[in-house]
Amino acid sequence: MKNNILGAMVIFFAVVACLLIIDDLSYSNETKETDFKAKMQVKASIEQSDLATTDLELED
């Protein structure tokens, strides 16, 4: 009986560890994609000029 409980605990923790690894790997891929998109947005905003210009014709 004791061996069955210990065996079940080992299998349970092995499955939990595998699920955590799979979750971590999938989260890393999602993070890389969102980081790339965020970097591209930052780059685009840096390249955009924040200067406002007005074209006024002055009459003398």
Protein backbone atom coordinates (compact mmCIF):
# COMPACT_ATOMS: atom_id res chain seq x y z
CA MET A 1 0.00 0.00 0.00
CA LYS A 2 2.83 2.40 0.88
CA ASN A 3 4.59 1.70 -2.43
CA ASN A 4 1.41 2.51 -4.36
CA ILE A 5 1.06 5.89 -2.64
CA LEU A 6 4.71 6.75 -3.21
CA GLY A 7 4.48 5.70 -6.84
CA ALA A 8 1.37 7.78 -7.34
CA MET A 9 3.07 10.79 -5.76
CA VAL A 10 6.10 10.43 -8.03
CA ILE A 11 3.91 10.20 -11.12
CA PHE A 12 1.81 13.17 -9.94
CA PHE A 13 4.84 15.40 -9.41
CA ALA A 14 6.40 14.28 -12.70
CA VAL A 15 3.21 15.24 -14.57
CA VAL A 16 3.02 18.59 -12.77
CA ALA A 17 6.66 19.29 -13.63
CA CYS A 18 6.04 18.45 -17.31
CA LEU A 19 2.99 20.71 -17.43
CA LEU A 20 4.95 23.56 -15.86
CA ILE A 21 7.74 23.14 -18.42
CA ILE A 22 5.26 23.14 -21.31
CA ASP A 23 3.55 26.23 -19.90
CA ASP A 24 6.88 28.02 -19.48
CA LEU A 25 7.94 27.23 -23.05
CA SER A 26 4.66 28.44 -24.54
CA TYR A 27 4.78 31.62 -22.42
CA SER A 28 8.32 32.35 -23.65
CA ASN A 29 7.21 32.16 -27.29
CA GLU A 30 4.28 34.51 -26.67
CA THR A 31 6.55 36.94 -24.83
CA LYS A 32 9.06 37.02 -27.69
CA GLU A 33 6.32 37.88 -30.19
CA THR A 34 4.87 40.65 -28.05
CA ASP A 35 8.34 42.04 -27.26
CA PHE A 36 9.11 42.19 -30.99
CA LYS A 37 5.85 44.02 -31.70
CA ALA A 38 6.47 46.44 -28.82
CA LYS A 39 10.00 47.17 -30.08
CA MET A 40 8.67 47.87 -33.56
CA GLN A 41 6.08 50.28 -32.14
CA VAL A 42 8.76 52.08 -30.14
CA LYS A 43 10.99 52.30 -33.20
CA ALA A 44 8.12 53.72 -35.26
CA SER A 45 7.30 56.28 -32.59
CA ILE A 46 10.95 57.36 -32.35
CA GLU A 47 11.17 57.86 -36.11
CA GLN A 48 8.00 59.96 -36.08
CA SER A 49 8.69 63.63 -35.70
CA ASP A 50 7.01 65.36 -32.80
CA LEU A 51 7.63 68.81 -34.21
CA ALA A 52 4.63 70.83 -35.21
CA THR A 53 5.11 73.12 -38.18
CA THR A 54 2.87 75.84 -39.46
CA ASP A 55 2.99 77.36 -42.88
CA LEU A 56 2.13 80.99 -42.41
CA GLU A 57 2.50 83.51 -45.15
CA LEU A 58 3.40 86.86 -43.74
CA GLU A 59 2.14 89.84 -45.66
CA ASP A 60 4.29 92.95 -45.60
